[in-house]
Amino acid sequence: MPAHEDVRDLLGRRGLLCAAALLGAGALAGCATREGGGATTPANLKGKELAKAADVPVGGGTVVGDLKVVVTQPREGTFKAFSAVCTHQGATLGSVEDGMILCPSHGSGFGISDGSVKEGPARAPLKSYPCQLRDGAIYGV
């Protein structure tokens, strides 16, 4: 009898399916922490002023290092907030130039409108955070 049939006999079909589901869930959980993409705003940023709107140029942005957040304005009046932690090796992002959020450590670049990777070595997008313009400033929501 082949080895895989021995395992099926020991676990039974239901046990094997449960084991496979648990392994798959563990793999997905591991990926979720490494992927960027959408995220809820961290508690320390909710309701907090992230930047003055006047400090965020149209087509650019500003890195707020002490909050580890980047606020961008891809189009006039549209503001976006992202984690300022590079998804490659965790360095704090350094600047926003030519429509990209740049990492000074290894040269990764991320799009100002969606945090997507434009230049590697990073492979995952930046986490995005909900934000809103209120009284001339951008706040975490």
C-alpha atoms as a PDB file:
ATOM      1  CA  MET A   1       0.000   0.000   0.000  1.00  0.00           C
ATOM      2  CA  PRO A   2       1.476   3.449  -0.925  1.00  0.00           C
ATOM      3  CA  ALA A   3       2.349   5.815   1.938  1.00  0.00           C
ATOM      4  CA  HIS A   4      -0.437   8.294   1.124  1.00  0.00           C
ATOM      5  CA  GLU A   5      -3.034   5.543   1.541  1.00  0.00           C
ATOM      6  CA  ASP A   6      -1.633   4.780   5.018  1.00  0.00           C
ATOM      7  CA  VAL A   7      -2.154   8.414   5.999  1.00  0.00           C
ATOM      8  CA  ARG A   8      -5.729   8.351   4.671  1.00  0.00           C
ATOM      9  CA  ASP A   9      -6.442   5.194   6.670  1.00  0.00           C
ATOM     10  CA  LEU A  10      -5.053   6.772   9.870  1.00  0.00           C
ATOM     11  CA  LEU A  11      -6.803  10.120   9.556  1.00  0.00           C
ATOM     12  CA  GLY A  12      -9.829   9.199   7.555  1.00  0.00           C
ATOM     13  CA  ARG A  13     -11.098  11.402   4.759  1.00  0.00           C
ATOM     14  CA  ARG A  14     -12.614  14.021   7.112  1.00  0.00           C
ATOM     15  CA  GLY A  15      -9.439  14.252   9.233  1.00  0.00           C
ATOM     16  CA  LEU A  16      -7.306  14.665   6.128  1.00  0.00           C
ATOM     17  CA  LEU A  17      -9.550  17.463   4.839  1.00  0.00           C
ATOM     18  CA  CYS A  18      -9.426  19.213   8.238  1.00  0.00           C
ATOM     19  CA  ALA A  19      -5.631  18.953   8.329  1.00  0.00           C
ATOM     20  CA  ALA A  20      -5.381  20.367   4.807  1.00  0.00           C
ATOM     21  CA  ALA A  21      -7.715  23.237   5.726  1.00  0.00           C
ATOM     22  CA  LEU A  22      -5.628  24.094   8.790  1.00  0.00           C
ATOM     23  CA  LEU A  23      -2.416  24.068   6.770  1.00  0.00           C
ATOM     24  CA  GLY A  24      -4.023  26.286   4.129  1.00  0.00           C
ATOM     25  CA  ALA A  25      -5.308  28.721   6.758  1.00  0.00           C
ATOM     26  CA  GLY A  26      -1.831  28.935   8.274  1.00  0.00           C
ATOM     27  CA  ALA A  27      -0.310  29.681   4.875  1.00  0.00           C
ATOM     28  CA  LEU A  28      -2.890  32.402   4.223  1.00  0.00           C
ATOM     29  CA  ALA A  29      -2.326  33.961   7.635  1.00  0.00           C
ATOM     30  CA  GLY A  30       1.408  34.085   6.938  1.00  0.00           C
ATOM     31  CA  CYS A  31       0.797  35.835   3.625  1.00  0.00           C
ATOM     32  CA  ALA A  32      -1.634  38.323   5.126  1.00  0.00           C
ATOM     33  CA  THR A  33       1.037  39.823   7.354  1.00  0.00           C
ATOM     34  CA  ARG A  34       3.460  40.261   4.471  1.00  0.00           C
ATOM     35  CA  GLU A  35       1.067  41.631   1.886  1.00  0.00           C
ATOM     36  CA  GLY A  36       0.342  45.308   1.779  1.00  0.00           C
ATOM     37  CA  GLY A  37      -2.969  46.450   0.466  1.00  0.00           C
ATOM     38  CA  GLY A  38      -5.870  47.857   2.390  1.00  0.00           C
ATOM     39  CA  ALA A  39      -5.775  47.981   6.146  1.00  0.00           C
ATOM     40  CA  THR A  40      -7.666  49.546   8.963  1.00  0.00           C
ATOM     41  CA  THR A  41      -6.070  52.622  10.437  1.00  0.00           C
ATOM     42  CA  PRO A  42      -3.917  51.775  13.461  1.00  0.00           C
ATOM     43  CA  ALA A  43      -5.414  52.949  16.756  1.00  0.00           C
ATOM     44  CA  ASN A  44      -2.599  55.481  17.265  1.00  0.00           C
ATOM     45  CA  LEU A  45      -3.591  57.254  13.998  1.00  0.00           C
ATOM     46  CA  LYS A  46      -7.396  57.266  14.349  1.00  0.00           C
ATOM     47  CA  GLY A  47      -8.620  60.818  14.793  1.00  0.00           C
ATOM     48  CA  LYS A  48      -5.035  62.101  14.713  1.00  0.00           C
ATOM     49  CA  GLU A  49      -3.874  64.863  12.394  1.00  0.00           C
ATOM     50  CA  LEU A  50      -1.513  63.209   9.929  1.00  0.00           C
ATOM     51  CA  ALA A  51      -0.490  66.307   7.948  1.00  0.00           C
ATOM     52  CA  LYS A  52      -1.632  69.769   6.940  1.00  0.00           C
ATOM     53  CA  ALA A  53      -3.212  69.693   3.486  1.00  0.00           C
ATOM     54  CA  ALA A  54      -0.985  72.605   2.430  1.00  0.00           C
ATOM     55  CA  ASP A  55       2.094  70.436   3.133  1.00  0.00           C
ATOM     56  CA  VAL A  56       0.966  67.718   0.705  1.00  0.00           C
ATOM     57  CA  PRO A  57       1.643  68.806  -2.888  1.00  0.00           C
ATOM     58  CA  VAL A  58      -0.639  67.773  -5.742  1.00  0.00           C
ATOM     59  CA  GLY A  59       1.026  64.848  -7.531  1.00  0.00           C
ATOM     60  CA  GLY A  60       3.267  64.249  -4.524  1.00  0.00           C
ATOM     61  CA  GLY A  61       3.173  63.669  -0.827  1.00  0.00           C
ATOM     62  CA  THR A  62       4.919  63.907   2.484  1.00  0.00           C
ATOM     63  CA  VAL A  63       6.441  61.293   4.797  1.00  0.00           C
ATOM     64  CA  VAL A  64       5.557  61.804   8.454  1.00  0.00           C
ATOM     65  CA  GLY A  65       8.330  59.715   9.979  1.00  0.00           C
ATOM     66  CA  ASP A  66       7.349  59.951  13.635  1.00  0.00           C
ATOM     67  CA  LEU A  67       3.874  58.582  12.779  1.00  0.00           C
ATOM     68  CA  LYS A  68       5.246  56.118  10.189  1.00  0.00           C
ATOM     69  CA  VAL A  69       2.706  57.330   7.643  1.00  0.00           C
ATOM     70  CA  VAL A  70       2.866  58.815   4.137  1.00  0.00           C
ATOM     71  CA  VAL A  71       0.140  61.208   2.997  1.00  0.00           C
ATOM     72  CA  THR A  72      -0.214  61.780  -0.745  1.00  0.00           C
ATOM     73  CA  GLN A  73      -2.376  63.909  -3.040  1.00  0.00           C
ATOM     74  CA  PRO A  74      -2.483  62.102  -6.390  1.00  0.00           C
ATOM     75  CA  ARG A  75      -5.090  64.570  -7.733  1.00  0.00           C
ATOM     76  CA  GLU A  76      -6.106  67.932  -6.363  1.00  0.00           C
ATOM     77  CA  GLY A  77      -8.331  67.415  -3.334  1.00  0.00           C
ATOM     78  CA  THR A  78      -7.810  63.624  -3.189  1.00  0.00           C
ATOM     79  CA  PHE A  79      -5.704  62.524  -0.242  1.00  0.00           C
ATOM     80  CA  LYS A  80      -4.381  59.042   0.516  1.00  0.00           C
ATOM     81  CA  ALA A  81      -2.564  57.674   3.547  1.00  0.00           C
ATOM     82  CA  PHE A  82      -0.187  54.712   3.580  1.00  0.00           C
ATOM     83  CA  SER A  83       2.151  52.989   5.975  1.00  0.00           C
ATOM     84  CA  ALA A  84       5.630  54.527   5.757  1.00  0.00           C
ATOM     85  CA  VAL A  85       7.209  51.116   6.329  1.00  0.00           C
ATOM     86  CA  CYS A  86       8.703  49.532   3.223  1.00  0.00           C
ATOM     87  CA  THR A  87       7.285  46.079   2.518  1.00  0.00           C
ATOM     88  CA  HIS A  88      10.713  44.834   1.427  1.00  0.00           C
ATOM     89  CA  GLN A  89      12.683  44.898   4.682  1.00  0.00           C
ATOM     90  CA  GLY A  90      10.818  47.290   6.963  1.00  0.00           C
ATOM     91  CA  ALA A  91      12.830  50.484   6.441  1.00  0.00           C
ATOM     92  CA  THR A  92      11.058  53.811   6.921  1.00  0.00           C
ATOM     93  CA  LEU A  93      10.231  55.343   3.564  1.00  0.00           C
ATOM     94  CA  GLY A  94      12.170  58.490   2.828  1.00  0.00           C
ATOM     95  CA  SER A  95      10.543  60.774   0.290  1.00  0.00           C
ATOM     96  CA  VAL A  96       7.900  61.283  -2.385  1.00  0.00           C
ATOM     97  CA  GLU A  97       9.224  62.231  -5.822  1.00  0.00           C
ATOM     98  CA  ASP A  98       7.963  61.980  -9.398  1.00  0.00           C
ATOM     99  CA  GLY A  99       4.714  60.300  -8.379  1.00  0.00           C
ATOM    100  CA  MET A 100       6.418  57.642  -6.255  1.00  0.00           C
ATOM    101  CA  ILE A 101       6.936  57.004  -2.560  1.00  0.00           C
ATOM    102  CA  LEU A 102      10.606  56.040  -2.284  1.00  0.00           C
ATOM    103  CA  CYS A 103      12.547  53.796   0.045  1.00  0.00           C
ATOM    104  CA  PRO A 104      16.108  55.039   0.632  1.00  0.00           C
ATOM    105  CA  SER A 105      17.421  51.605   1.692  1.00  0.00           C
ATOM    106  CA  HIS A 106      17.102  49.512  -1.474  1.00  0.00           C
ATOM    107  CA  GLY A 107      15.340  51.759  -3.995  1.00  0.00           C
ATOM    108  CA  SER A 108      11.786  50.399  -3.922  1.00  0.00           C
ATOM    109  CA  GLY A 109       9.155  52.787  -5.250  1.00  0.00           C
ATOM    110  CA  PHE A 110       5.405  52.784  -4.602  1.00  0.00           C
ATOM    111  CA  GLY A 111       2.576  54.575  -6.423  1.00  0.00           C
ATOM    112  CA  ILE A 112       1.111  57.642  -4.709  1.00  0.00           C
ATOM    113  CA  SER A 113      -2.472  56.784  -5.671  1.00  0.00           C
ATOM    114  CA  ASP A 114      -2.661  53.175  -4.496  1.00  0.00           C
ATOM    115  CA  GLY A 115       0.633  52.212  -2.809  1.00  0.00           C
ATOM    116  CA  SER A 116       1.344  49.607  -5.486  1.00  0.00           C
ATOM    117  CA  VAL A 117       4.909  48.549  -6.210  1.00  0.00           C
ATOM    118  CA  LYS A 118       6.342  50.524  -9.141  1.00  0.00           C
ATOM    119  CA  GLU A 119      10.003  49.550  -8.611  1.00  0.00           C
ATOM    120  CA  GLY A 120      11.432  46.598  -6.667  1.00  0.00           C
ATOM    121  CA  PRO A 121      12.874  44.872  -4.810  1.00  0.00           C
ATOM    122  CA  ALA A 122       9.637  45.209  -2.783  1.00  0.00           C
ATOM    123  CA  ARG A 123       6.910  42.862  -4.017  1.00  0.00           C
ATOM    124  CA  ALA A 124       3.947  43.814  -1.829  1.00  0.00           C
ATOM    125  CA  PRO A 125       2.087  47.134  -1.893  1.00  0.00           C
ATOM    126  CA  LEU A 126       1.989  49.511   1.046  1.00  0.00           C
ATOM    127  CA  LYS A 127      -0.836  49.232   3.561  1.00  0.00           C
ATOM    128  CA  SER A 128      -3.380  51.950   2.921  1.00  0.00           C
ATOM    129  CA  TYR A 129      -5.240  53.740   5.686  1.00  0.00           C
ATOM    130  CA  PRO A 130      -8.552  55.603   5.483  1.00  0.00           C
ATOM    131  CA  CYS A 131      -8.155  59.347   5.921  1.00  0.00           C
ATOM    132  CA  GLN A 132     -10.193  62.510   5.486  1.00  0.00           C
ATOM    133  CA  LEU A 133      -9.686  66.208   4.904  1.00  0.00           C
ATOM    134  CA  ARG A 134     -11.089  68.326   7.729  1.00  0.00           C
ATOM    135  CA  ASP A 135     -10.369  71.972   8.559  1.00  0.00           C
ATOM    136  CA  GLY A 136      -7.319  72.110   6.284  1.00  0.00           C
ATOM    137  CA  ALA A 137      -5.683  68.957   7.660  1.00  0.00           C
ATOM    138  CA  ILE A 138      -5.659  65.235   6.872  1.00  0.00           C
ATOM    139  CA  TYR A 139      -6.850  62.980   9.689  1.00  0.00           C
ATOM    140  CA  GLY A 140      -6.727  59.227  10.173  1.00  0.00           C
ATOM    141  CA  VAL A 141     -10.180  57.671  10.206  1.00  0.00           C
END
